PDB file of N, CA and C in Angstrom:
ATOM      1  N   UNK A   1      -5.461  34.903   4.192  1.00  0.00           N
ATOM      2  CA  UNK A   1      -4.746  36.165   4.139  1.00  0.00           C
ATOM      3  C   UNK A   1      -3.849  36.322   5.377  1.00  0.00           C
ATOM      4  N   UNK A   2      -4.384  35.955   6.566  1.00  0.00           N
ATOM      5  CA  UNK A   2      -3.578  36.069   7.787  1.00  0.00           C
ATOM      6  C   UNK A   2      -2.346  35.186   7.730  1.00  0.00           C
ATOM      7  N   UNK A   3      -2.544  33.944   7.269  1.00  0.00           N
ATOM      8  CA  UNK A   3      -1.427  33.001   7.198  1.00  0.00           C
ATOM      9  C   UNK A   3      -0.332  33.544   6.271  1.00  0.00           C
ATOM     10  N   UNK A   4      -0.745  34.109   5.157  1.00  0.00           N
ATOM     11  CA  UNK A   4       0.232  34.673   4.223  1.00  0.00           C
ATOM     12  C   UNK A   4       0.949  35.870   4.832  1.00  0.00           C
ATOM     13  N   UNK A   5       0.197  36.737   5.532  1.00  0.00           N
ATOM     14  CA  UNK A   5       0.811  37.899   6.172  1.00  0.00           C
ATOM     15  C   UNK A   5       1.874  37.474   7.177  1.00  0.00           C
ATOM     16  N   UNK A   6       1.514  36.558   8.078  1.00  0.00           N
ATOM     17  CA  UNK A   6       2.465  36.122   9.100  1.00  0.00           C
ATOM     18  C   UNK A   6       3.652  35.387   8.469  1.00  0.00           C
ATOM     19  N   UNK A   7       3.396  34.611   7.433  1.00  0.00           N
ATOM     20  CA  UNK A   7       4.478  33.903   6.759  1.00  0.00           C
ATOM     21  C   UNK A   7       5.470  34.866   6.121  1.00  0.00           C
ATOM     22  N   UNK A   8       4.961  35.864   5.403  1.00  0.00           N
ATOM     23  CA  UNK A   8       5.840  36.836   4.746  1.00  0.00           C
ATOM     24  C   UNK A   8       6.563  37.728   5.757  1.00  0.00           C
ATOM     25  N   UNK A   9       5.829  38.185   6.758  1.00  0.00           N
ATOM     26  CA  UNK A   9       6.436  39.068   7.765  1.00  0.00           C
ATOM     27  C   UNK A   9       7.523  38.342   8.551  1.00  0.00           C
ATOM     28  N   UNK A  10       7.265  37.113   8.972  1.00  0.00           N
ATOM     29  CA  UNK A  10       8.266  36.375   9.740  1.00  0.00           C
ATOM     30  C   UNK A  10       9.452  36.001   8.866  1.00  0.00           C
ATOM     31  N   UNK A  11       9.191  35.690   7.598  1.00  0.00           N
ATOM     32  CA  UNK A  11      10.296  35.357   6.698  1.00  0.00           C
ATOM     33  C   UNK A  11      11.262  36.537   6.561  1.00  0.00           C
ATOM     34  N   UNK A  12      10.738  37.732   6.446  1.00  0.00           N
ATOM     35  CA  UNK A  12      11.590  38.914   6.312  1.00  0.00           C
ATOM     36  C   UNK A  12      12.261  39.290   7.636  1.00  0.00           C
ATOM     37  N   UNK A  13      11.491  39.274   8.717  1.00  0.00           N
ATOM     38  CA  UNK A  13      12.012  39.708  10.016  1.00  0.00           C
ATOM     39  C   UNK A  13      13.114  38.782  10.523  1.00  0.00           C
ATOM     40  N   UNK A  14      12.974  37.484  10.286  1.00  0.00           N
ATOM     41  CA  UNK A  14      13.951  36.515  10.773  1.00  0.00           C
ATOM     42  C   UNK A  14      14.986  36.134   9.714  1.00  0.00           C
ATOM     43  N   UNK A  15      15.011  36.839   8.616  1.00  0.00           N
ATOM     44  CA  UNK A  15      15.989  36.605   7.564  1.00  0.00           C
ATOM     45  C   UNK A  15      17.341  37.164   8.019  1.00  0.00           C
ATOM     46  N   UNK A  16      18.408  36.389   7.838  1.00  0.00           N
ATOM     47  CA  UNK A  16      19.723  36.840   8.295  1.00  0.00           C
ATOM     48  C   UNK A  16      20.183  38.088   7.537  1.00  0.00           C
ATOM     49  N   UNK A  17      19.683  38.310   6.337  1.00  0.00           N
ATOM     50  CA  UNK A  17      20.040  39.516   5.591  1.00  0.00           C
ATOM     51  C   UNK A  17      19.467  40.768   6.245  1.00  0.00           C
ATOM     52  N   UNK A  18      18.407  40.618   7.019  1.00  0.00           N
ATOM     53  CA  UNK A  18      17.806  41.752   7.735  1.00  0.00           C
ATOM     54  C   UNK A  18      18.723  42.224   8.862  1.00  0.00           C
ATOM     55  N   UNK A  19      19.522  41.321   9.412  1.00  0.00           N
ATOM     56  CA  UNK A  19      20.569  41.698  10.356  1.00  0.00           C
ATOM     57  C   UNK A  19      20.282  41.495  11.831  1.00  0.00           C
ATOM     58  N   UNK A  20      19.056  41.179  12.208  1.00  0.00           N
ATOM     59  CA  UNK A  20      18.761  41.006  13.632  1.00  0.00           C
ATOM     60  C   UNK A  20      19.206  39.641  14.149  1.00  0.00           C
ATOM     61  N   UNK A  21      19.207  38.661  13.280  1.00  0.00           N
ATOM     62  CA  UNK A  21      19.567  37.300  13.655  1.00  0.00           C
ATOM     63  C   UNK A  21      20.681  36.811  12.750  1.00  0.00           C
ATOM     64  N   UNK A  22      21.405  35.811  13.222  1.00  0.00           N
ATOM     65  CA  UNK A  22      22.450  35.192  12.416  1.00  0.00           C
ATOM     66  C   UNK A  22      22.352  33.685  12.610  1.00  0.00           C
ATOM     67  N   UNK A  23      22.969  32.960  11.693  1.00  0.00           N
ATOM     68  CA  UNK A  23      23.010  31.509  11.837  1.00  0.00           C
ATOM     69  C   UNK A  23      24.022  31.152  12.907  1.00  0.00           C
ATOM     70  N   UNK A  24      23.667  30.191  13.753  1.00  0.00           N
ATOM     71  CA  UNK A  24      24.667  29.690  14.693  1.00  0.00           C
ATOM     72  C   UNK A  24      25.228  28.392  14.150  1.00  0.00           C
ATOM     73  N   UNK A  25      25.989  27.701  14.913  1.00  0.00           N
ATOM     74  CA  UNK A  25      26.973  26.699  14.500  1.00  0.00           C
ATOM     75  C   UNK A  25      26.584  25.804  13.319  1.00  0.00           C
ATOM     76  N   UNK A  26      25.375  25.328  13.231  1.00  0.00           N
ATOM     77  CA  UNK A  26      25.084  24.371  12.164  1.00  0.00           C
ATOM     78  C   UNK A  26      24.410  25.005  10.947  1.00  0.00           C
ATOM     79  N   UNK A  27      24.349  26.309  10.899  1.00  0.00           N
ATOM     80  CA  UNK A  27      23.805  27.070   9.774  1.00  0.00           C
ATOM     81  C   UNK A  27      22.310  26.861   9.533  1.00  0.00           C
ATOM     82  N   UNK A  28      21.623  26.126  10.388  1.00  0.00           N
ATOM     83  CA  UNK A  28      20.178  25.980  10.253  1.00  0.00           C
ATOM     84  C   UNK A  28      19.441  26.758  11.324  1.00  0.00           C
ATOM     85  N   UNK A  29      20.051  26.902  12.483  1.00  0.00           N
ATOM     86  CA  UNK A  29      19.394  27.541  13.608  1.00  0.00           C
ATOM     87  C   UNK A  29      19.755  29.013  13.678  1.00  0.00           C
ATOM     88  N   UNK A  30      18.805  29.816  14.165  1.00  0.00           N
ATOM     89  CA  UNK A  30      19.023  31.254  14.282  1.00  0.00           C
ATOM     90  C   UNK A  30      19.359  31.638  15.720  1.00  0.00           C
ATOM     91  N   UNK A  31      20.197  32.655  15.844  1.00  0.00           N
ATOM     92  CA  UNK A  31      20.572  33.227  17.127  1.00  0.00           C
ATOM     93  C   UNK A  31      20.600  34.736  16.968  1.00  0.00           C
ATOM     94  N   UNK A  32      20.501  35.450  18.070  1.00  0.00           N
ATOM     95  CA  UNK A  32      20.558  36.909  18.024  1.00  0.00           C
ATOM     96  C   UNK A  32      21.905  37.373  17.484  1.00  0.00           C
ATOM     97  N   UNK A  33      21.885  38.348  16.614  1.00  0.00           N
ATOM     98  CA  UNK A  33      23.113  38.883  16.047  1.00  0.00           C
ATOM     99  C   UNK A  33      23.730  39.867  17.045  1.00  0.00           C
ATOM    100  N   UNK A  34      24.906  39.544  17.607  1.00  0.00           N
ATOM    101  CA  UNK A  34      25.495  40.433  18.617  1.00  0.00           C
ATOM    102  C   UNK A  34      26.028  41.741  18.043  1.00  0.00           C
ATOM    103  N   UNK A  35      26.177  41.828  16.722  1.00  0.00           N
ATOM    104  CA  UNK A  35      26.728  43.042  16.119  1.00  0.00           C
ATOM    105  C   UNK A  35      25.657  43.900  15.446  1.00  0.00           C
ATOM    106  N   UNK A  36      24.399  43.616  15.722  1.00  0.00           N
ATOM    107  CA  UNK A  36      23.325  44.383  15.092  1.00  0.00           C
ATOM    108  C   UNK A  36      23.234  45.786  15.678  1.00  0.00           C
ATOM    109  N   UNK A  37      22.821  46.708  14.853  1.00  0.00           N
ATOM    110  CA  UNK A  37      22.583  48.074  15.304  1.00  0.00           C
ATOM    111  C   UNK A  37      21.094  48.336  15.511  1.00  0.00           C
ATOM    112  N   UNK A  38      20.287  47.271  15.380  1.00  0.00           N
ATOM    113  CA  UNK A  38      18.847  47.417  15.553  1.00  0.00           C
ATOM    114  C   UNK A  38      18.514  47.712  17.004  1.00  0.00           C
ATOM    115  N   UNK A  39      17.591  48.634  17.235  1.00  0.00           N
ATOM    116  CA  UNK A  39      17.196  48.939  18.615  1.00  0.00           C
ATOM    117  C   UNK A  39      16.376  47.788  19.211  1.00  0.00           C
ATOM    118  N   UNK A  40      16.338  47.694  20.530  1.00  0.00           N
ATOM    119  CA  UNK A  40      15.588  46.613  21.186  1.00  0.00           C
ATOM    120  C   UNK A  40      14.110  46.546  20.771  1.00  0.00           C
ATOM    121  N   UNK A  41      13.546  47.665  20.357  1.00  0.00           N
ATOM    122  CA  UNK A  41      12.132  47.662  19.973  1.00  0.00           C
ATOM    123  C   UNK A  41      11.891  46.746  18.764  1.00  0.00           C
ATOM    124  N   UNK A  42      12.895  46.556  17.933  1.00  0.00           N
ATOM    125  CA  UNK A  42      12.727  45.640  16.790  1.00  0.00           C
ATOM    126  C   UNK A  42      12.626  44.190  17.262  1.00  0.00           C
ATOM    127  N   UNK A  43      13.355  43.862  18.325  1.00  0.00           N
ATOM    128  CA  UNK A  43      13.251  42.509  18.873  1.00  0.00           C
ATOM    129  C   UNK A  43      11.894  42.327  19.556  1.00  0.00           C
ATOM    130  N   UNK A  44      11.381  43.405  20.139  1.00  0.00           N
ATOM    131  CA  UNK A  44      10.021  43.344  20.687  1.00  0.00           C
ATOM    132  C   UNK A  44       9.020  43.100  19.572  1.00  0.00           C
ATOM    133  N   UNK A  45       9.244  43.716  18.427  1.00  0.00           N
ATOM    134  CA  UNK A  45       8.381  43.499  17.269  1.00  0.00           C
ATOM    135  C   UNK A  45       8.383  42.025  16.871  1.00  0.00           C
ATOM    136  N   UNK A  46       9.556  41.400  16.891  1.00  0.00           N
ATOM    137  CA  UNK A  46       9.642  39.972  16.569  1.00  0.00           C
ATOM    138  C   UNK A  46       8.826  39.152  17.566  1.00  0.00           C
ATOM    139  N   UNK A  47       8.926  39.496  18.852  1.00  0.00           N
ATOM    140  CA  UNK A  47       8.148  38.794  19.866  1.00  0.00           C
ATOM    141  C   UNK A  47       6.656  39.005  19.711  1.00  0.00           C
ATOM    142  N   UNK A  48       6.274  40.229  19.383  1.00  0.00           N
ATOM    143  CA  UNK A  48       4.847  40.524  19.170  1.00  0.00           C
ATOM    144  C   UNK A  48       4.323  39.745  17.972  1.00  0.00           C
ATOM    145  N   UNK A  49       5.120  39.696  16.908  1.00  0.00           N
ATOM    146  CA  UNK A  49       4.717  38.945  15.715  1.00  0.00           C
ATOM    147  C   UNK A  49       4.510  37.470  16.044  1.00  0.00           C
ATOM    148  N   UNK A  50       5.444  36.892  16.802  1.00  0.00           N
ATOM    149  CA  UNK A  50       5.296  35.491  17.199  1.00  0.00           C
ATOM    150  C   UNK A  50       4.066  35.290  18.081  1.00  0.00           C
ATOM    151  N   UNK A  51       3.870  36.213  19.021  1.00  0.00           N
ATOM    152  CA  UNK A  51       2.703  36.111  19.904  1.00  0.00           C
ATOM    153  C   UNK A  51       1.391  36.207  19.143  1.00  0.00           C
ATOM    154  N   UNK A  52       1.316  37.115  18.198  1.00  0.00           N
ATOM    155  CA  UNK A  52       0.087  37.251  17.396  1.00  0.00           C
ATOM    156  C   UNK A  52      -0.157  36.018  16.533  1.00  0.00           C
ATOM    157  N   UNK A  53       0.901  35.445  16.003  1.00  0.00           N
ATOM    158  CA  UNK A  53       0.745  34.231  15.202  1.00  0.00           C
ATOM    159  C   UNK A  53       0.216  33.089  16.072  1.00  0.00           C
ATOM    160  N   UNK A  54       0.768  32.956  17.277  1.00  0.00           N
ATOM    161  CA  UNK A  54       0.290  31.909  18.189  1.00  0.00           C
ATOM    162  C   UNK A  54      -1.162  32.168  18.571  1.00  0.00           C
ATOM    163  N   UNK A  55      -1.491  33.409  18.883  1.00  0.00           N
ATOM    164  CA  UNK A  55      -2.849  33.779  19.262  1.00  0.00           C
ATOM    165  C   UNK A  55      -3.841  33.454  18.145  1.00  0.00           C
ATOM    166  N   UNK A  56      -3.430  33.630  16.897  1.00  0.00           N
ATOM    167  CA  UNK A  56      -4.299  33.369  15.753  1.00  0.00           C
ATOM    168  C   UNK A  56      -4.174  31.941  15.232  1.00  0.00           C
ATOM    169  N   UNK A  57      -3.521  31.068  16.011  1.00  0.00           N
ATOM    170  CA  UNK A  57      -3.353  29.645  15.669  1.00  0.00           C
ATOM    171  C   UNK A  57      -2.698  29.447  14.314  1.00  0.00           C
ATOM    172  N   UNK A  58      -1.692  30.261  14.037  1.00  0.00           N
ATOM    173  CA  UNK A  58      -0.972  30.161  12.774  1.00  0.00           C
ATOM    174  C   UNK A  58       0.451  29.701  13.072  1.00  0.00           C
ATOM    175  N   UNK A  59       0.827  28.599  12.451  1.00  0.00           N
ATOM    176  CA  UNK A  59       2.186  28.076  12.612  1.00  0.00           C
ATOM    177  C   UNK A  59       3.103  28.756  11.605  1.00  0.00           C
ATOM    178  N   UNK A  60       4.189  29.301  12.104  1.00  0.00           N
ATOM    179  CA  UNK A  60       5.192  29.863  11.213  1.00  0.00           C
ATOM    180  C   UNK A  60       6.506  29.150  11.480  1.00  0.00           C
ATOM    181  N   UNK A  61       7.253  28.944  10.427  1.00  0.00           N
ATOM    182  CA  UNK A  61       8.486  28.177  10.537  1.00  0.00           C
ATOM    183  C   UNK A  61       9.667  29.103  10.790  1.00  0.00           C
ATOM    184  N   UNK A  62      10.172  29.045  12.018  1.00  0.00           N
ATOM    185  CA  UNK A  62      11.347  29.809  12.404  1.00  0.00           C
ATOM    186  C   UNK A  62      12.261  28.854  13.156  1.00  0.00           C
ATOM    187  N   UNK A  63      13.457  28.695  12.675  1.00  0.00           N
ATOM    188  CA  UNK A  63      14.398  27.757  13.278  1.00  0.00           C
ATOM    189  C   UNK A  63      15.273  28.454  14.306  1.00  0.00           C
ATOM    190  N   UNK A  64      14.672  28.827  15.421  1.00  0.00           N
ATOM    191  CA  UNK A  64      15.449  29.444  16.502  1.00  0.00           C
ATOM    192  C   UNK A  64      16.210  28.369  17.257  1.00  0.00           C
ATOM    193  N   UNK A  65      17.297  28.763  17.871  1.00  0.00           N
ATOM    194  CA  UNK A  65      18.101  27.852  18.668  1.00  0.00           C
ATOM    195  C   UNK A  65      17.279  27.324  19.850  1.00  0.00           C
ATOM    196  N   UNK A  66      17.445  26.054  20.215  1.00  0.00           N
ATOM    197  CA  UNK A  66      16.751  25.514  21.387  1.00  0.00           C
ATOM    198  C   UNK A  66      17.026  26.301  22.662  1.00  0.00           C
ATOM    199  N   UNK A  67      18.177  26.970  22.733  1.00  0.00           N
ATOM    200  CA  UNK A  67      18.474  27.807  23.901  1.00  0.00           C
ATOM    201  C   UNK A  67      17.427  28.909  24.068  1.00  0.00           C
ATOM    202  N   UNK A  68      16.995  29.480  22.968  1.00  0.00           N
ATOM    203  CA  UNK A  68      15.998  30.548  23.033  1.00  0.00           C
ATOM    204  C   UNK A  68      14.682  30.001  23.554  1.00  0.00           C
ATOM    205  N   UNK A  69      14.284  28.833  23.047  1.00  0.00           N
ATOM    206  CA  UNK A  69      13.026  28.239  23.514  1.00  0.00           C
ATOM    207  C   UNK A  69      13.095  27.875  25.002  1.00  0.00           C
ATOM    208  N   UNK A  70      14.232  27.335  25.444  1.00  0.00           N
ATOM    209  CA  UNK A  70      14.369  27.001  26.864  1.00  0.00           C
ATOM    210  C   UNK A  70      14.249  28.252  27.724  1.00  0.00           C
ATOM    211  N   UNK A  71      14.844  29.340  27.269  1.00  0.00           N
ATOM    212  CA  UNK A  71      14.772  30.599  28.015  1.00  0.00           C
ATOM    213  C   UNK A  71      13.334  31.117  28.044  1.00  0.00           C
ATOM    214  N   UNK A  72      12.630  31.023  26.924  1.00  0.00           N
ATOM    215  CA  UNK A  72      11.247  31.481  26.861  1.00  0.00           C
ATOM    216  C   UNK A  72      10.337  30.690  27.803  1.00  0.00           C
ATOM    217  N   UNK A  73      10.613  29.400  27.959  1.00  0.00           N
ATOM    218  CA  UNK A  73       9.796  28.550  28.826  1.00  0.00           C
ATOM    219  C   UNK A  73      10.294  28.516  30.258  1.00  0.00           C
ATOM    220  N   UNK A  74      11.308  29.322  30.581  1.00  0.00           N
ATOM    221  CA  UNK A  74      11.794  29.415  31.951  1.00  0.00           C
ATOM    222  C   UNK A  74      12.602  28.216  32.405  1.00  0.00           C
ATOM    223  N   UNK A  75      13.090  27.417  31.473  1.00  0.00           N
ATOM    224  CA  UNK A  75      13.904  26.260  31.835  1.00  0.00           C
ATOM    225  C   UNK A  75      15.351  26.694  32.036  1.00  0.00           C
ATOM    226  N   UNK A  76      16.053  25.951  32.871  1.00  0.00           N
ATOM    227  CA  UNK A  76      17.454  26.282  33.105  1.00  0.00           C
ATOM    228  C   UNK A  76      18.307  25.786  31.941  1.00  0.00           C
ATOM    229  N   UNK A  77      19.382  26.492  31.709  1.00  0.00           N
ATOM    230  CA  UNK A  77      20.298  26.155  30.625  1.00  0.00           C
ATOM    231  C   UNK A  77      21.570  25.606  31.243  1.00  0.00           C
ATOM    232  N   UNK A  78      22.043  24.476  30.708  1.00  0.00           N
ATOM    233  CA  UNK A  78      23.275  23.889  31.230  1.00  0.00           C
ATOM    234  C   UNK A  78      24.346  23.875  30.145  1.00  0.00           C
ATOM    235  N   UNK A  79      25.501  23.382  30.497  1.00  0.00           N
ATOM    236  CA  UNK A  79      26.648  23.414  29.605  1.00  0.00           C
ATOM    237  C   UNK A  79      26.399  22.647  28.308  1.00  0.00           C
ATOM    238  N   UNK A  80      25.695  21.531  28.385  1.00  0.00           N
ATOM    239  CA  UNK A  80      25.455  20.735  27.171  1.00  0.00           C
ATOM    240  C   UNK A  80      24.522  21.454  26.190  1.00  0.00           C
ATOM    241  N   UNK A  81      23.723  22.393  26.677  1.00  0.00           N
ATOM    242  CA  UNK A  81      22.842  23.150  25.779  1.00  0.00           C
ATOM    243  C   UNK A  81      23.622  24.085  24.863  1.00  0.00           C
ATOM    244  N   UNK A  82      24.826  24.440  25.253  1.00  0.00           N
ATOM    245  CA  UNK A  82      25.622  25.359  24.445  1.00  0.00           C
ATOM    246  C   UNK A  82      26.050  24.760  23.112  1.00  0.00           C
ATOM    247  N   UNK A  83      25.937  23.434  22.966  1.00  0.00           N
ATOM    248  CA  UNK A  83      26.325  22.814  21.694  1.00  0.00           C
ATOM    249  C   UNK A  83      25.459  23.325  20.553  1.00  0.00           C
ATOM    250  N   UNK A  84      24.249  23.775  20.861  1.00  0.00           N
ATOM    251  CA  UNK A  84      23.377  24.336  19.828  1.00  0.00           C
ATOM    252  C   UNK A  84      23.795  25.750  19.447  1.00  0.00           C
ATOM    253  N   UNK A  85      24.608  26.368  20.273  1.00  0.00           N
ATOM    254  CA  UNK A  85      25.058  27.732  20.004  1.00  0.00           C
ATOM    255  C   UNK A  85      26.429  27.753  19.346  1.00  0.00           C
ATOM    256  N   UNK A  86      27.380  27.063  19.947  1.00  0.00           N
ATOM    257  CA  UNK A  86      28.752  27.110  19.432  1.00  0.00           C
ATOM    258  C   UNK A  86      29.481  25.831  19.833  1.00  0.00           C
ATOM    259  N   UNK A  87      29.670  24.933  18.873  1.00  0.00           N
ATOM    260  CA  UNK A  87      30.309  23.653  19.169  1.00  0.00           C
ATOM    261  C   UNK A  87      31.763  23.826  19.597  1.00  0.00           C
ATOM    262  N   UNK A  88      32.461  24.794  19.027  1.00  0.00           N
ATOM    263  CA  UNK A  88      33.852  25.032  19.421  1.00  0.00           C
ATOM    264  C   UNK A  88      33.932  25.501  20.861  1.00  0.00           C
ATOM    265  N   UNK A  89      32.998  26.327  21.272  1.00  0.00           N
ATOM    266  CA  UNK A  89      32.973  26.807  22.648  1.00  0.00           C
ATOM    267  C   UNK A  89      32.787  25.646  23.614  1.00  0.00           C
ATOM    268  N   UNK A  90      31.860  24.761  23.326  1.00  0.00           N
ATOM    269  CA  UNK A  90      31.603  23.638  24.227  1.00  0.00           C
ATOM    270  C   UNK A  90      32.805  22.692  24.252  1.00  0.00           C
ATOM    271  N   UNK A  91      33.483  22.522  23.119  1.00  0.00           N
ATOM    272  CA  UNK A  91      34.687  21.688  23.093  1.00  0.00           C
ATOM    273  C   UNK A  91      35.783  22.291  23.971  1.00  0.00           C
ATOM    274  N   UNK A  92      35.976  23.605  23.870  1.00  0.00           N
ATOM    275  CA  UNK A  92      37.022  24.272  24.660  1.00  0.00           C
ATOM    276  C   UNK A  92      36.675  24.242  26.151  1.00  0.00           C
ATOM    277  N   UNK A  93      35.422  24.490  26.497  1.00  0.00           N
ATOM    278  CA  UNK A  93      35.028  24.427  27.903  1.00  0.00           C
ATOM    279  C   UNK A  93      35.193  23.014  28.453  1.00  0.00           C
ATOM    280  N   UNK A  94      34.844  22.011  27.639  1.00  0.00           N
ATOM    281  CA  UNK A  94      35.036  20.622  28.052  1.00  0.00           C
ATOM    282  C   UNK A  94      36.504  20.301  28.260  1.00  0.00           C
ATOM    283  N   UNK A  95      37.359  20.825  27.387  1.00  0.00           N
ATOM    284  CA  UNK A  95      38.801  20.622  27.533  1.00  0.00           C
ATOM    285  C   UNK A  95      39.292  21.245  28.827  1.00  0.00           C
ATOM    286  N   UNK A  96      38.803  22.444  29.137  1.00  0.00           N
ATOM    287  CA  UNK A  96      39.215  23.114  30.369  1.00  0.00           C
ATOM    288  C   UNK A  96      38.743  22.345  31.599  1.00  0.00           C
ATOM    289  N   UNK A  97      37.527  21.799  31.542  1.00  0.00           N
ATOM    290  CA  UNK A  97      37.010  21.045  32.685  1.00  0.00           C
ATOM    291  C   UNK A  97      37.761  19.736  32.899  1.00  0.00           C
ATOM    292  N   UNK A  98      38.207  19.115  31.806  1.00  0.00           N
ATOM    293  CA  UNK A  98      38.936  17.850  31.914  1.00  0.00           C
ATOM    294  C   UNK A  98      40.415  18.056  32.227  1.00  0.00           C
ATOM    295  N   UNK A  99      40.935  19.235  31.945  1.00  0.00           N
ATOM    296  CA  UNK A  99      42.358  19.496  32.118  1.00  0.00           C
ATOM    297  C   UNK A  99      42.745  19.667  33.576  1.00  0.00           C
ATOM    298  N   UNK A 100      44.024  19.517  33.812  1.00  0.00           N
ATOM    299  CA  UNK A 100      44.550  19.741  35.151  1.00  0.00           C
ATOM    300  C   UNK A 100      44.664  21.250  35.391  1.00  0.00           C
ATOM    301  N   UNK A 101      44.721  21.681  36.642  1.00  0.00           N
ATOM    302  CA  UNK A 101      44.898  23.117  36.908  1.00  0.00           C
ATOM    303  C   UNK A 101      46.130  23.697  36.209  1.00  0.00           C
ATOM    304  N   UNK A 102      47.198  22.919  36.128  1.00  0.00           N
ATOM    305  CA  UNK A 102      48.415  23.406  35.463  1.00  0.00           C
ATOM    306  C   UNK A 102      48.165  23.641  33.967  1.00  0.00           C
ATOM    307  N   UNK A 103      47.430  22.735  33.336  1.00  0.00           N
ATOM    308  CA  UNK A 103      47.130  22.894  31.905  1.00  0.00           C
ATOM    309  C   UNK A 103      46.263  24.127  31.662  1.00  0.00           C
ATOM    310  N   UNK A 104      45.308  24.360  32.541  1.00  0.00           N
ATOM    311  CA  UNK A 104      44.442  25.529  32.397  1.00  0.00           C
ATOM    312  C   UNK A 104      45.253  26.807  32.614  1.00  0.00           C
ATOM    313  N   UNK A 105      46.158  26.811  33.592  1.00  0.00           N
ATOM    314  CA  UNK A 105      47.016  27.988  33.822  1.00  0.00           C
ATOM    315  C   UNK A 105      47.878  28.285  32.598  1.00  0.00           C
ATOM    316  N   UNK A 106      48.363  27.229  31.931  1.00  0.00           N
ATOM    317  CA  UNK A 106      49.206  27.397  30.747  1.00  0.00           C
ATOM    318  C   UNK A 106      48.463  28.075  29.596  1.00  0.00           C
ATOM    319  N   UNK A 107      47.146  28.021  29.620  1.00  0.00           N
ATOM    320  CA  UNK A 107      46.363  28.689  28.568  1.00  0.00           C
ATOM    321  C   UNK A 107      46.454  30.206  28.677  1.00  0.00           C
ATOM    322  N   UNK A 108      46.821  30.707  29.848  1.00  0.00           N
ATOM    323  CA  UNK A 108      46.981  32.148  30.028  1.00  0.00           C
ATOM    324  C   UNK A 108      45.666  32.913  30.053  1.00  0.00           C
ATOM    325  N   UNK A 109      44.610  32.270  30.491  1.00  0.00           N
ATOM    326  CA  UNK A 109      43.294  32.921  30.544  1.00  0.00           C
ATOM    327  C   UNK A 109      43.169  33.764  31.785  1.00  0.00           C
ATOM    328  N   UNK A 110      42.452  34.864  31.669  1.00  0.00           N
ATOM    329  CA  UNK A 110      42.251  35.768  32.802  1.00  0.00           C
ATOM    330  C   UNK A 110      40.761  36.060  32.911  1.00  0.00           C
ATOM    331  N   UNK A 111      40.162  35.649  34.005  1.00  0.00           N
ATOM    332  CA  UNK A 111      38.716  35.799  34.184  1.00  0.00           C
ATOM    333  C   UNK A 111      38.363  36.894  35.181  1.00  0.00           C
ATOM    334  N   UNK A 112      39.282  37.812  35.434  1.00  0.00           N
ATOM    335  CA  UNK A 112      39.000  38.891  36.366  1.00  0.00           C
ATOM    336  C   UNK A 112      38.349  40.058  35.640  1.00  0.00           C
ATOM    337  N   UNK A 113      37.586  40.820  36.385  1.00  0.00           N
ATOM    338  CA  UNK A 113      36.896  41.967  35.781  1.00  0.00           C
ATOM    339  C   UNK A 113      37.750  43.206  35.863  1.00  0.00           C
TER     340      UNK A 113
END
């Protein structure tokens, strides 16, 4: 009964139709939905659900981005980790890093606050 409860609850909570999470670049991994109107307490609910499942030794299948797991385990995130979030972003950042200062200036980017 517990396994079924956690399976059904996690399936609904982490479903992209629910709106808290969205698919990132490869359509298999989940990332936080930046346009959600859900209050932070709902994300706490997701964390509590995961914690209770772990506490009860129940494996639930949730395809979160490796970036989320690295953050949860306190590991540092580097530029190559962003490929799991947005491949176009990592390509553009790589282009900027390889480009000459003149090429980067020609992009017309402004990083001031």
